[in-house]
Amino acid sequence: MKRFFLFLLAALLAVSAFAQKIKVACVGDSITYGMTIADREHDSYPAQLQALLGDGYEVGNFGKPGATLLRRGHRPYMEQAEFRAALAFAGDIVVIHLGINDTDPRDWPVCGADFVKDYKALVEALREVNPGARFYIARMTPLGAGHPRLLTGNIPYHRHIQHAIETVAQETGAQLIDFYEPLIARPDLLPDSVHPNAEGAGILAKTVYGAITGDFGGLRVSPYYSDNMVLPRDKRFTIRGTANAGEKVSVRLGCQKHTTKTGPDGRWSVEIGPMKATESTTLRIETRSRKLRFDNVAIGELWLCSGQSNMEFELRQCSDPEGTPDPLLRLYDSKCRWRTDAVAWPADALDATDRLQHFQDAQWESATAENEAVFSAVGYWFGKTMRDSLGVPVGLICNAIGGSPVEAWIDRTTLEDGFPEILPNWWNNELVMPWVRQRAAENLSGANRRHPYQPAYLFDAAIRPMEQFPISGVIWYQGESNAHNVEAFERLFPLLIDSWRGFFGDVPFYYAQLSYMERPLWPEFRAAQERLVTCRPGLGMVVTYDLGMAYEVHYPNKRPVGERLAGLRISRLRSK
């Protein structure tokens, strides 16, 4: 009997050990703590992480509002009770997000040189109490446009600290996770420009959940991959996407086959060697658990057509409205859900726009009489001219938005570095054209919500979702909504080029100069556009002065604009 009870006790102890929860220690400052979240016990990121991970885990929140990583900072984390509690918890998994408070001018300028050393000391102290612990170190969340440090020169501190955090992860063997990218496109989730609200905390929780479990939702690629798409000819390009961590990914395009494996962040990419123009092939992307197949894929010229209303202007509105159906001219027409007309938007439009859902879903289609009629006229004539002259498949993506200013198309980080004064309080900011601010106020009924004209919005809603789709180049028609301030435009336009080339690579960028119109600042603006053609290599400009009308910004003769832009590409290809 004694032997039986000993056996039963041993079995119970074994079951107890097997059932022991995995402890996750979330170490950080007020963002980890859940400051400003009304019900932080349920909605802070550690609390939401607990809900995602389930009963097999125990998540501890060891966030200390105001804490610095720096031990000579104004509130060193390692001197706080929360640090001692984290040591006692001895997490099996440790997630650290610190550094935001170290951007304070009391800290980084004074003792920033100690940052890497102090961070490594924090990791070692937490590792000492559980030598087998897994460590995840987070790149910092962004600061919002309303933060006072945006205009006081402290944003570079944030950049320096991000680089230091990456160094710490590398030198300690911790896995680097990213709290910056998931929130940089959603300033609406940082209501005080620092602390994520409950929805923002949920995004951080999902980021940590993916890192811990390796579950990133399986194989996924950009929505710009579909049947009938066009990929670029005669150059190397990258196909990329996400899958679960450690998954093998196979990519087959025509006769090329490549395999790779996802990293801990679930990302994968393969480089495709240069391909000759091809009318139809198949792209297959596969993992063990999912297979994607895209048929009737063409290899040729792939161009993005963007800007404001004169690029958006449809073929059917033109003086020359008849197109020619062509199975090798492929169109991806990314139209907005709500036009920026002088009306108040309904609540569902405001909510969707806040969530970057301003564009309708689209897919690649061969050009027909029906879809050509509602496509960009400039884009159509650009594509048709190249089809006729080069004889290769041509793919066109159009995402132009009427009235949009150039700053809306530039990513937030580039604006922070190159023109930060245009970001704060944009609806009252005199650097933004008065008409632009007035129209946004009409659409939003005066509410402080997101709008397509907001600086960086269209980059986030229209460019970022392309996930670096491998375009051949860009044609651009925009400027009417920046003509009030030529000096500002001369700073902004090079930033646009830098922003998009940082995203798509060093692609050609051709643009249309503003047409003739009886507006007082337009001659000076056209002169600036002409000067800017030399601001970066690989730019080209076409004149539209002869096509304009004295009192109509949307002149109907768009065919020559597309043909002239195509002429730039054709002549440069033939000169090689």
Protein backbone atom coordinates (compact mmCIF):
# COMPACT_ATOMS: atom_id res chain seq x y z
CA MET A 1 0.00 0.00 0.00
CA LYS A 2 2.83 2.36 0.88
CA ARG A 3 4.41 1.62 -2.45
CA PHE A 4 1.12 2.47 -4.20
CA PHE A 5 0.86 5.83 -2.44
CA LEU A 6 4.45 6.67 -3.32
CA PHE A 7 3.73 5.81 -6.95
CA LEU A 8 0.56 7.94 -6.88
CA LEU A 9 2.44 10.88 -5.33
CA ALA A 10 5.15 10.64 -7.97
CA ALA A 11 2.51 10.55 -10.70
CA LEU A 12 0.76 13.61 -9.28
CA LEU A 13 4.04 15.49 -9.09
CA ALA A 14 4.80 14.55 -12.69
CA VAL A 15 1.37 15.74 -13.83
CA SER A 16 1.81 18.94 -11.84
CA ALA A 17 5.21 19.59 -13.43
CA PHE A 18 3.81 18.87 -16.88
CA ALA A 19 0.90 21.22 -16.28
CA GLN A 20 3.10 24.05 -15.00
CA LYS A 21 2.40 27.24 -16.88
CA ILE A 22 4.99 28.98 -19.02
CA LYS A 23 5.70 32.33 -17.40
CA VAL A 24 5.95 35.41 -19.65
CA ALA A 25 7.44 38.54 -18.03
CA CYS A 26 6.53 41.79 -19.82
CA VAL A 27 9.14 44.33 -18.73
CA GLY A 28 8.81 47.97 -19.71
CA ASP A 29 7.55 51.46 -19.03
CA SER A 30 4.09 53.07 -19.13
CA ILE A 31 3.32 51.53 -22.53
CA THR A 32 3.72 48.04 -21.06
CA TYR A 33 1.88 49.14 -17.93
CA GLY A 34 -1.11 50.29 -20.01
CA MET A 35 -1.16 53.93 -19.03
CA THR A 36 -4.17 55.93 -20.37
CA ILE A 37 -6.09 52.69 -21.11
CA ALA A 38 -9.36 52.87 -19.17
CA ASP A 39 -9.41 49.17 -18.24
CA ARG A 40 -5.74 48.34 -18.28
CA GLU A 41 -6.26 45.13 -16.28
CA HIS A 42 -8.00 43.70 -19.33
CA ASP A 43 -6.75 45.85 -22.21
CA SER A 44 -3.03 46.53 -21.63
CA TYR A 45 -0.86 44.65 -24.09
CA PRO A 46 0.25 42.04 -21.48
CA ALA A 47 -3.39 41.40 -20.54
CA GLN A 48 -4.38 40.95 -24.19
CA LEU A 49 -1.33 38.74 -24.71
CA GLN A 50 -2.56 36.53 -21.86
CA ALA A 51 -5.91 36.13 -23.62
CA LEU A 52 -4.17 35.19 -26.88
CA LEU A 53 -1.78 32.68 -25.32
CA GLY A 54 -4.41 31.00 -23.15
CA ASP A 55 -4.30 28.96 -19.96
CA GLY A 56 -0.95 27.35 -20.67
CA TYR A 57 0.79 30.65 -20.00
CA GLU A 58 1.01 33.09 -17.12
CA VAL A 59 1.72 36.65 -18.27
CA GLY A 60 3.06 39.14 -15.76
CA ASN A 61 2.92 42.91 -16.31
CA PHE A 62 6.04 44.57 -14.90
CA GLY A 63 5.65 47.94 -16.57
CA LYS A 64 6.77 51.05 -14.65
CA PRO A 65 5.45 54.41 -15.88
CA GLY A 66 8.23 56.90 -16.55
CA ALA A 67 11.03 54.33 -16.29
CA THR A 68 14.26 54.77 -18.22
CA LEU A 69 16.52 51.98 -19.35
CA LEU A 70 19.54 54.13 -18.56
CA ARG A 71 20.76 53.53 -15.03
CA ARG A 72 21.81 57.17 -14.76
CA GLY A 73 18.48 58.26 -16.19
CA HIS A 74 15.83 60.17 -14.29
CA ARG A 75 13.93 56.98 -13.24
CA PRO A 76 16.08 53.87 -13.81
CA TYR A 77 14.00 50.73 -14.27
CA MET A 78 16.53 48.61 -12.40
CA GLU A 79 15.93 50.69 -9.24
CA GLN A 80 12.15 50.18 -9.29
CA ALA A 81 9.96 47.70 -7.40
CA GLU A 82 8.69 46.39 -10.74
CA PHE A 83 12.19 45.22 -11.62
CA ARG A 84 12.49 43.34 -8.33
CA ALA A 85 9.08 41.76 -8.96
CA ALA A 86 10.20 40.69 -12.45
CA LEU A 87 13.28 39.04 -10.93
CA ALA A 88 11.12 37.17 -8.42
CA PHE A 89 8.77 36.08 -11.24
CA ALA A 90 11.73 34.50 -13.10
CA GLY A 91 9.99 34.38 -16.44
CA ASP A 92 10.56 31.58 -18.90
CA ILE A 93 9.98 34.19 -21.61
CA VAL A 94 10.96 37.83 -21.12
CA VAL A 95 9.66 40.62 -23.37
CA ILE A 96 11.34 44.01 -22.89
CA HIS A 97 10.16 47.34 -24.27
CA LEU A 98 12.16 50.24 -22.88
CA GLY A 99 13.76 53.38 -24.31
CA ILE A 100 10.90 55.82 -24.92
CA ASN A 101 11.64 57.79 -21.74
CA ASP A 102 15.35 57.77 -22.53
CA THR A 103 14.61 60.22 -25.38
CA ASP A 104 14.19 62.85 -22.66
CA PRO A 105 16.88 65.56 -22.96
CA ARG A 106 17.74 64.82 -19.31
CA ASP A 107 18.81 61.33 -20.35
CA TRP A 108 20.07 60.50 -23.83
CA PRO A 109 22.34 63.54 -24.35
CA VAL A 110 23.81 63.07 -20.88
CA CYS A 111 24.37 59.31 -20.63
CA GLY A 112 23.26 57.77 -23.93
CA ALA A 113 26.70 56.22 -24.36
CA ASP A 114 25.78 53.83 -21.53
CA PHE A 115 22.59 52.56 -23.21
CA VAL A 116 23.89 49.31 -24.71
CA LYS A 117 25.89 48.47 -21.57
CA ASP A 118 22.92 49.18 -19.28
CA TYR A 119 20.49 47.22 -21.47
CA LYS A 120 22.82 44.20 -21.47
CA ALA A 121 23.06 44.43 -17.68
CA LEU A 122 19.25 44.34 -17.45
CA VAL A 123 19.10 41.26 -19.68
CA GLU A 124 21.83 39.49 -17.72
CA ALA A 125 20.12 40.18 -14.40
CA LEU A 126 16.85 38.69 -15.67
CA ARG A 127 18.69 35.77 -17.28
CA GLU A 128 20.52 34.99 -14.06
CA VAL A 129 17.28 34.10 -12.25
CA ASN A 130 16.25 31.81 -15.11
CA PRO A 131 19.20 30.84 -17.32
CA GLY A 132 16.94 29.03 -19.79
CA ALA A 133 14.68 32.03 -20.44
CA ARG A 134 13.95 33.20 -23.99
CA PHE A 135 14.35 36.94 -24.50
CA TYR A 136 12.48 39.23 -26.88
CA ILE A 137 13.62 42.83 -27.17
CA ALA A 138 11.23 45.27 -28.84
CA ARG A 139 12.03 48.18 -31.11
CA MET A 140 10.28 51.17 -29.58
CA THR A 141 6.79 52.32 -30.43
CA PRO A 142 6.66 55.58 -32.45
CA LEU A 143 5.97 59.03 -31.07
CA GLY A 144 2.88 60.68 -32.54
CA ALA A 145 2.76 63.92 -34.52
CA GLY A 146 1.42 65.79 -31.50
CA HIS A 147 4.40 65.01 -29.29
CA PRO A 148 6.32 68.17 -28.34
CA ARG A 149 9.68 66.48 -28.99
CA LEU A 150 8.86 66.27 -32.71
CA LEU A 151 9.92 69.89 -33.22
CA THR A 152 12.58 70.21 -30.51
CA GLY A 153 15.23 68.10 -32.21
CA ASN A 154 14.71 65.01 -30.06
CA ILE A 155 13.35 62.71 -32.78
CA PRO A 156 16.97 61.78 -33.69
CA TYR A 157 17.33 60.46 -30.14
CA HIS A 158 14.53 58.02 -30.92
CA ARG A 159 16.41 56.88 -34.04
CA HIS A 160 19.69 56.46 -32.14
CA ILE A 161 18.00 54.43 -29.42
CA GLN A 162 16.34 52.16 -32.00
CA HIS A 163 19.76 51.35 -33.44
CA ALA A 164 21.13 50.73 -29.95
CA ILE A 165 18.25 48.33 -29.22
CA GLU A 166 19.07 46.38 -32.38
CA THR A 167 22.68 46.12 -31.20
CA VAL A 168 21.58 44.83 -27.79
CA ALA A 169 19.41 42.13 -29.36
CA GLN A 170 22.31 40.98 -31.51
CA GLU A 171 24.86 40.96 -28.69
CA THR A 172 22.62 39.23 -26.14
CA GLY A 173 21.17 36.61 -28.50
CA ALA A 174 17.66 37.95 -27.93
CA GLN A 175 15.07 37.94 -30.69
CA LEU A 176 14.33 41.43 -31.98
CA ILE A 177 10.64 42.21 -32.35
CA ASP A 178 9.13 45.35 -33.82
CA PHE A 179 6.75 47.64 -31.93
CA TYR A 180 7.43 50.52 -34.33
CA GLU A 181 6.23 49.35 -37.75
CA PRO A 182 2.83 48.04 -36.60
CA LEU A 183 1.91 51.47 -35.18
CA ILE A 184 3.72 54.01 -37.37
CA ALA A 185 0.81 53.94 -39.84
CA ARG A 186 -1.81 54.31 -37.08
CA PRO A 187 -1.24 57.59 -35.21
CA ASP A 188 -4.94 57.52 -34.35
CA LEU A 189 -4.11 54.69 -31.92
CA LEU A 190 -1.74 56.99 -29.99
CA PRO A 191 -4.26 59.54 -28.70
CA ASP A 192 -1.70 61.36 -26.56
CA SER A 193 1.09 60.79 -29.13
CA VAL A 194 2.84 58.32 -26.80
CA HIS A 195 0.59 55.64 -25.33
CA PRO A 196 -1.34 53.16 -27.47
CA ASN A 197 -5.03 52.87 -26.73
CA ALA A 198 -6.66 49.46 -26.23
CA GLU A 199 -6.71 48.74 -29.98
CA GLY A 200 -3.06 49.72 -30.31
CA ALA A 201 -2.16 47.56 -27.31
CA GLY A 202 -3.94 44.70 -29.05
CA ILE A 203 -1.64 45.13 -32.07
CA LEU A 204 1.40 44.93 -29.76
CA ALA A 205 -0.04 41.81 -28.11
CA LYS A 206 -0.46 40.13 -31.51
CA THR A 207 3.12 41.06 -32.39
CA VAL A 208 4.44 39.36 -29.26
CA TYR A 209 2.09 36.40 -29.72
CA GLY A 210 3.47 35.80 -33.22
CA ALA A 211 7.04 36.00 -31.96
CA ILE A 212 6.44 33.55 -29.11
CA THR A 213 4.35 31.00 -31.03
CA GLY A 214 5.66 31.48 -34.57
CA ASP A 215 2.04 31.76 -35.72
CA PHE A 216 1.79 34.56 -38.27
CA GLY A 217 -1.37 33.35 -39.95
CA GLY A 218 0.25 31.17 -42.59
CA LEU A 219 1.34 31.99 -46.13
CA ARG A 220 0.37 35.46 -47.31
CA VAL A 221 1.43 37.85 -50.06
CA SER A 222 0.42 41.38 -51.07
CA PRO A 223 -3.10 41.73 -52.54
CA TYR A 224 -1.38 43.06 -55.67
CA TYR A 225 -0.54 39.45 -56.51
CA SER A 226 -3.42 37.97 -58.51
CA ASP A 227 -4.22 36.28 -61.79
CA ASN A 228 -3.47 38.50 -64.81
CA MET A 229 -0.82 40.55 -63.04
CA VAL A 230 2.35 41.87 -64.65
CA LEU A 231 5.85 41.52 -63.23
CA PRO A 232 8.87 43.52 -64.48
CA ARG A 233 11.09 42.36 -67.34
CA ASP A 234 14.87 42.49 -67.79
CA LYS A 235 15.79 43.12 -64.16
CA ARG A 236 16.16 41.27 -60.89
CA PHE A 237 13.25 41.71 -58.54
CA THR A 238 12.09 40.34 -55.21
CA ILE A 239 8.94 38.42 -54.37
CA ARG A 240 8.20 38.60 -50.68
CA GLY A 241 5.55 37.73 -48.13
CA THR A 242 4.93 36.17 -44.74
CA ALA A 243 4.27 32.68 -43.39
CA ASN A 244 4.66 30.99 -40.05
CA ALA A 245 8.13 31.09 -38.53
CA GLY A 246 10.54 28.49 -39.83
CA GLU A 247 8.33 27.40 -42.74
CA LYS A 248 9.90 26.39 -46.01
CA VAL A 249 8.60 28.49 -48.91
CA SER A 250 8.86 27.45 -52.54
CA VAL A 251 8.44 29.98 -55.36
CA ARG A 252 8.20 28.96 -59.00
CA LEU A 253 7.86 31.53 -61.79
CA GLY A 254 8.11 30.17 -65.29
CA CYS A 255 11.22 27.99 -65.36
CA GLN A 256 12.75 29.59 -62.26
CA LYS A 257 12.37 27.86 -58.91
CA HIS A 258 13.57 29.20 -55.57
CA THR A 259 13.21 27.99 -52.01
CA THR A 260 13.74 29.80 -48.75
CA LYS A 261 12.74 29.61 -45.12
CA THR A 262 10.94 32.23 -43.08
CA GLY A 263 12.78 33.98 -40.29
CA PRO A 264 11.60 34.25 -36.68
CA ASP A 265 9.45 37.23 -37.74
CA GLY A 266 7.64 35.14 -40.36
CA ARG A 267 9.02 37.13 -43.30
CA TRP A 268 10.46 35.57 -46.43
CA SER A 269 11.73 36.79 -49.79
CA VAL A 270 13.28 35.34 -52.92
CA GLU A 271 15.13 37.10 -55.72
CA ILE A 272 13.95 36.40 -59.24
CA GLY A 273 16.54 36.62 -62.00
CA PRO A 274 15.95 38.85 -65.04
CA MET A 275 13.21 37.55 -67.33
CA LYS A 276 12.39 38.41 -70.91
CA ALA A 277 8.99 39.80 -71.79
CA THR A 278 6.42 37.01 -71.63
CA GLU A 279 2.73 37.09 -72.47
CA SER A 280 1.60 34.40 -70.03
CA THR A 281 3.19 32.26 -67.35
CA THR A 282 2.28 30.95 -63.89
CA LEU A 283 3.50 31.96 -60.46
CA ARG A 284 3.28 29.33 -57.72
CA ILE A 285 4.08 30.05 -54.06
CA GLU A 286 3.80 27.15 -51.65
CA THR A 287 4.37 26.10 -48.07
CA ARG A 288 3.56 22.75 -46.56
CA SER A 289 0.16 24.00 -45.45
CA ARG A 290 -0.90 26.34 -48.26
CA LYS A 291 -0.52 26.69 -52.01
CA LEU A 292 -1.01 29.91 -53.99
CA ARG A 293 -1.26 29.86 -57.78
CA PHE A 294 -1.50 32.90 -60.05
CA ASP A 295 -2.27 32.27 -63.71
CA ASN A 296 -1.88 34.34 -66.87
CA VAL A 297 1.01 36.30 -65.34
CA ALA A 298 2.76 38.53 -67.88
CA ILE A 299 6.35 39.77 -67.76
CA GLY A 300 6.78 43.28 -69.13
CA GLU A 301 6.56 46.93 -68.08
CA LEU A 302 4.91 47.50 -64.67
CA TRP A 303 4.16 51.10 -63.73
CA LEU A 304 2.47 52.93 -60.87
CA CYS A 305 0.26 55.88 -61.92
CA SER A 306 -0.30 58.22 -58.99
CA GLY A 307 -0.98 61.79 -57.90
CA GLN A 308 -4.17 63.83 -57.70
CA SER A 309 -7.20 64.54 -59.87
CA ASN A 310 -5.53 65.05 -63.25
CA MET A 311 -4.06 61.54 -62.92
CA GLU A 312 -7.37 60.23 -61.54
CA PHE A 313 -9.28 61.84 -64.47
CA GLU A 314 -10.97 58.98 -66.33
CA LEU A 315 -10.70 58.11 -70.01
CA ARG A 316 -14.46 58.44 -70.52
CA GLN A 317 -14.24 62.10 -69.42
CA CYS A 318 -11.70 62.98 -72.11
CA SER A 319 -12.03 64.67 -75.45
CA ASP A 320 -10.61 61.41 -76.88
CA PRO A 321 -12.54 58.83 -74.79
CA GLU A 322 -12.25 55.67 -76.89
CA GLY A 323 -9.73 53.06 -75.84
CA THR A 324 -8.80 49.78 -77.50
CA PRO A 325 -9.33 46.47 -75.67
CA ASP A 326 -6.01 44.70 -75.28
CA PRO A 327 -5.38 41.43 -73.39
CA LEU A 328 -1.73 42.41 -72.84
CA LEU A 329 -2.53 45.76 -71.27
CA ARG A 330 -3.34 44.90 -67.66
CA LEU A 331 -5.03 47.30 -65.23
CA TYR A 332 -5.15 47.40 -61.42
CA ASP A 333 -7.54 50.24 -60.59
CA SER A 334 -7.32 51.12 -56.90
CA LYS A 335 -10.21 53.54 -56.48
CA CYS A 336 -11.25 55.29 -53.28
CA ARG A 337 -14.39 54.27 -51.40
CA TRP A 338 -15.36 57.87 -50.60
CA ARG A 339 -14.54 60.79 -52.83
CA THR A 340 -13.23 63.99 -51.30
CA ASP A 341 -16.15 66.05 -52.60
CA ALA A 342 -17.52 68.96 -50.56
CA VAL A 343 -19.75 66.76 -48.39
CA ALA A 344 -19.76 65.44 -44.85
CA TRP A 345 -18.78 61.79 -44.73
CA PRO A 346 -20.96 59.25 -42.90
CA ALA A 347 -19.73 57.56 -39.74
CA ASP A 348 -18.75 54.36 -41.53
CA ALA A 349 -16.51 56.36 -43.88
CA LEU A 350 -14.78 58.02 -40.93
CA ASP A 351 -14.23 54.69 -39.17
CA ALA A 352 -12.91 52.93 -42.28
CA THR A 353 -10.62 55.82 -43.18
CA ASP A 354 -9.18 55.79 -39.65
CA ARG A 355 -8.32 52.12 -40.26
CA LEU A 356 -6.62 52.88 -43.60
CA GLN A 357 -9.48 51.25 -45.50
CA HIS A 358 -10.03 54.19 -47.84
CA PHE A 359 -9.43 52.20 -51.04
CA GLN A 360 -11.71 49.63 -52.62
CA ASP A 361 -10.50 46.09 -53.16
CA ALA A 362 -9.18 45.59 -56.69
CA GLN A 363 -7.62 42.92 -58.88
CA TRP A 364 -5.67 42.71 -62.10
CA GLU A 365 -7.75 42.72 -65.29
CA SER A 366 -6.96 42.72 -68.98
CA ALA A 367 -8.01 46.01 -70.58
CA THR A 368 -11.59 45.99 -71.89
CA ALA A 369 -13.82 48.76 -73.19
CA GLU A 370 -15.56 48.83 -69.80
CA ASN A 371 -12.57 49.02 -67.46
CA GLU A 372 -10.55 51.31 -69.74
CA ALA A 373 -13.37 53.85 -69.67
CA VAL A 374 -13.09 54.34 -65.90
CA PHE A 375 -9.29 54.06 -65.69
CA SER A 376 -6.90 57.01 -65.53
CA ALA A 377 -6.77 58.64 -68.96
CA VAL A 378 -3.13 59.65 -68.53
CA GLY A 379 -2.31 56.13 -67.35
CA TYR A 380 -4.21 54.51 -70.20
CA TRP A 381 -2.47 56.54 -72.93
CA PHE A 382 0.89 55.97 -71.24
CA GLY A 383 0.31 52.22 -71.29
CA LYS A 384 -1.15 52.06 -74.79
CA THR A 385 1.73 54.06 -76.24
CA MET A 386 4.25 51.69 -74.67
CA ARG A 387 2.28 48.68 -75.90
CA ASP A 388 2.30 50.04 -79.44
CA SER A 389 5.97 51.08 -79.39
CA LEU A 390 7.61 48.33 -77.35
CA GLY A 391 5.34 45.40 -78.13
CA VAL A 392 5.58 43.96 -74.62
CA PRO A 393 2.92 43.43 -71.95
CA VAL A 394 2.24 46.52 -69.84
CA GLY A 395 0.76 46.59 -66.34
CA LEU A 396 -0.62 49.78 -64.78
CA ILE A 397 -1.56 50.39 -61.16
CA CYS A 398 -3.54 53.57 -60.49
CA ASN A 399 -4.17 54.88 -56.97
CA ALA A 400 -4.52 58.65 -57.56
CA ILE A 401 -6.71 60.69 -55.20
CA GLY A 402 -8.28 63.99 -56.27
CA GLY A 403 -7.04 67.01 -54.36
CA SER A 404 -4.29 65.13 -52.52
CA PRO A 405 -1.22 67.15 -51.47
CA VAL A 406 2.25 65.72 -51.95
CA GLU A 407 2.89 65.41 -48.20
CA ALA A 408 0.06 62.86 -47.94
CA TRP A 409 2.09 60.51 -50.17
CA ILE A 410 5.34 60.65 -48.15
CA ASP A 411 6.00 58.19 -45.34
CA ARG A 412 5.96 59.46 -41.79
CA THR A 413 9.62 58.70 -40.99
CA THR A 414 10.85 60.62 -44.05
CA LEU A 415 8.69 63.61 -43.08
CA GLU A 416 9.96 63.50 -39.50
CA ASP A 417 13.53 63.66 -40.74
CA GLY A 418 13.06 66.10 -43.63
CA PHE A 419 10.03 68.32 -42.91
CA PRO A 420 8.73 67.69 -39.36
CA GLU A 421 6.95 71.04 -39.11
CA ILE A 422 4.28 69.90 -41.55
CA LEU A 423 3.12 67.08 -39.27
CA PRO A 424 1.66 68.67 -36.11
CA ASN A 425 -1.91 69.97 -36.05
CA TRP A 426 -2.09 69.59 -39.83
CA TRP A 427 -5.72 70.76 -40.14
CA ASN A 428 -4.61 74.19 -38.81
CA ASN A 429 -1.08 74.13 -40.23
CA GLU A 430 -0.41 76.96 -42.68
CA LEU A 431 2.11 74.83 -44.54
CA VAL A 432 -0.86 72.77 -45.74
CA MET A 433 -2.86 74.45 -48.52
CA PRO A 434 -5.99 76.22 -47.14
CA TRP A 435 -8.24 74.51 -49.71
CA VAL A 436 -6.90 71.13 -48.60
CA ARG A 437 -7.62 71.88 -44.95
CA GLN A 438 -11.07 73.25 -45.73
CA ARG A 439 -12.09 70.23 -47.81
CA ALA A 440 -10.86 67.83 -45.12
CA ALA A 441 -12.84 69.77 -42.50
CA GLU A 442 -15.99 69.44 -44.65
CA ASN A 443 -15.52 65.69 -45.04
CA LEU A 444 -14.81 65.20 -41.34
CA SER A 445 -17.43 67.70 -40.11
CA GLY A 446 -14.70 69.26 -38.00
CA ALA A 447 -13.91 66.02 -36.13
CA ASN A 448 -10.29 65.15 -35.37
CA ARG A 449 -10.21 62.03 -37.53
CA ARG A 450 -7.88 60.72 -40.22
CA HIS A 451 -8.24 61.95 -43.79
CA PRO A 452 -6.55 61.14 -47.13
CA TYR A 453 -5.05 64.64 -47.19
CA GLN A 454 -3.30 64.20 -43.84
CA PRO A 455 0.51 64.07 -44.12
CA ALA A 456 1.66 60.44 -44.64
CA TYR A 457 -1.90 59.07 -44.89
CA LEU A 458 -1.84 58.03 -48.54
CA PHE A 459 1.55 56.44 -48.15
CA ASP A 460 0.10 54.35 -45.33
CA ALA A 461 -3.18 53.54 -47.10
CA ALA A 462 -2.05 53.18 -50.72
CA ILE A 463 1.71 52.58 -50.89
CA ARG A 464 2.51 50.54 -47.79
CA PRO A 465 -0.08 47.81 -48.65
CA MET A 466 1.81 47.20 -51.91
CA GLU A 467 4.49 45.64 -49.69
CA GLN A 468 7.28 46.63 -52.06
CA PHE A 469 5.56 45.16 -55.12
CA PRO A 470 8.30 45.14 -57.80
CA ILE A 471 7.27 48.01 -60.08
CA SER A 472 9.31 49.17 -63.10
CA GLY A 473 8.70 52.87 -62.42
CA VAL A 474 6.30 55.68 -61.51
CA ILE A 475 4.37 58.30 -63.45
CA TRP A 476 3.11 61.20 -61.33
CA TYR A 477 0.72 64.09 -61.96
CA GLN A 478 0.28 66.28 -58.89
CA GLY A 479 0.99 69.77 -57.63
CA GLU A 480 -2.25 71.73 -57.79
CA SER A 481 -2.75 71.18 -54.05
CA ASN A 482 0.73 72.47 -53.19
CA ALA A 483 0.94 75.47 -55.51
CA HIS A 484 0.25 77.91 -52.68
CA ASN A 485 3.76 77.45 -51.25
CA VAL A 486 6.47 76.88 -53.82
CA GLU A 487 9.28 76.84 -51.25
CA ALA A 488 7.58 74.08 -49.25
CA PHE A 489 7.00 72.03 -52.40
CA GLU A 490 10.67 72.33 -53.32
CA ARG A 491 11.48 70.65 -50.01
CA LEU A 492 8.68 68.08 -50.21
CA PHE A 493 9.10 66.77 -53.75
CA PRO A 494 12.63 65.36 -53.22
CA LEU A 495 11.32 63.73 -50.03
CA LEU A 496 8.61 62.02 -52.10
CA ILE A 497 11.26 60.59 -54.42
CA ASP A 498 13.39 59.44 -51.48
CA SER A 499 10.37 57.94 -49.71
CA TRP A 500 9.18 55.90 -52.68
CA ARG A 501 12.64 54.82 -53.81
CA GLY A 502 13.37 53.72 -50.26
CA PHE A 503 10.29 51.51 -50.58
CA PHE A 504 10.34 50.34 -54.21
CA GLY A 505 14.03 50.65 -55.04
CA ASP A 506 15.78 53.01 -57.42
CA VAL A 507 13.04 53.15 -60.08
CA PRO A 508 12.49 55.82 -62.78
CA PHE A 509 10.12 58.60 -61.75
CA TYR A 510 8.44 60.70 -64.48
CA TYR A 511 6.07 63.55 -63.76
CA ALA A 512 3.83 66.06 -65.53
CA GLN A 513 4.40 69.77 -65.08
CA LEU A 514 1.27 71.78 -64.26
CA SER A 515 -0.64 73.04 -67.29
CA TYR A 516 -1.50 76.58 -68.27
CA MET A 517 -4.24 78.07 -66.07
CA GLU A 518 -5.02 81.58 -64.85
CA ARG A 519 -3.77 81.16 -61.31
CA PRO A 520 -1.23 83.64 -59.94
CA LEU A 521 1.32 81.23 -58.43
CA TRP A 522 1.31 78.59 -61.14
CA PRO A 523 4.09 80.10 -63.33
CA GLU A 524 6.43 80.13 -60.35
CA PHE A 525 5.35 76.61 -59.43
CA ARG A 526 6.02 75.32 -62.95
CA ALA A 527 9.48 76.86 -62.79
CA ALA A 528 10.12 75.00 -59.55
CA GLN A 529 8.97 71.73 -61.13
CA GLU A 530 11.41 72.30 -63.98
CA ARG A 531 14.28 72.94 -61.55
CA LEU A 532 13.42 69.83 -59.54
CA VAL A 533 13.95 67.47 -62.48
CA THR A 534 17.66 67.52 -61.60
CA CYS A 535 17.20 67.06 -57.84
CA ARG A 536 17.60 63.29 -58.12
CA PRO A 537 18.89 61.01 -60.89
CA GLY A 538 16.38 59.09 -62.98
CA LEU A 539 13.69 61.80 -63.06
CA GLY A 540 11.88 63.05 -66.13
CA MET A 541 9.33 65.83 -66.69
CA VAL A 542 6.85 66.49 -69.49
CA VAL A 543 5.27 69.85 -70.30
CA THR A 544 1.47 70.23 -70.39
CA TYR A 545 1.28 74.03 -70.69
CA ASP A 546 -0.08 73.85 -74.24
CA LEU A 547 -2.98 71.62 -73.17
CA GLY A 548 -4.41 73.68 -70.31
CA MET A 549 -7.47 75.91 -70.08
CA ALA A 550 -7.66 79.36 -68.48
CA TYR A 551 -10.35 78.55 -65.90
CA GLU A 552 -10.54 74.75 -65.79
CA VAL A 553 -8.05 72.69 -63.83
CA HIS A 554 -9.29 69.42 -65.38
CA TYR A 555 -8.65 69.99 -69.06
CA PRO A 556 -10.00 67.08 -71.19
CA ASN A 557 -7.08 66.53 -73.59
CA LYS A 558 -5.13 63.94 -71.63
CA ARG A 559 -3.88 61.78 -74.49
CA PRO A 560 -0.75 63.88 -75.17
CA VAL A 561 0.20 63.75 -71.47
CA GLY A 562 0.26 59.95 -71.42
CA GLU A 563 2.04 59.82 -74.76
CA ARG A 564 4.72 62.27 -73.64
CA LEU A 565 5.35 60.36 -70.41
CA ALA A 566 5.61 57.13 -72.38
CA GLY A 567 8.04 58.88 -74.72
CA LEU A 568 10.43 59.41 -71.81
CA ARG A 569 10.49 55.70 -71.06
CA ILE A 570 10.74 54.63 -74.68
CA SER A 571 13.55 57.03 -75.53
CA ARG A 572 15.57 56.05 -72.46
CA LEU A 573 15.18 52.35 -73.17
CA ARG A 574 16.29 52.84 -76.76
CA SER A 575 19.29 54.94 -75.74
CA LYS A 576 20.74 52.12 -73.65
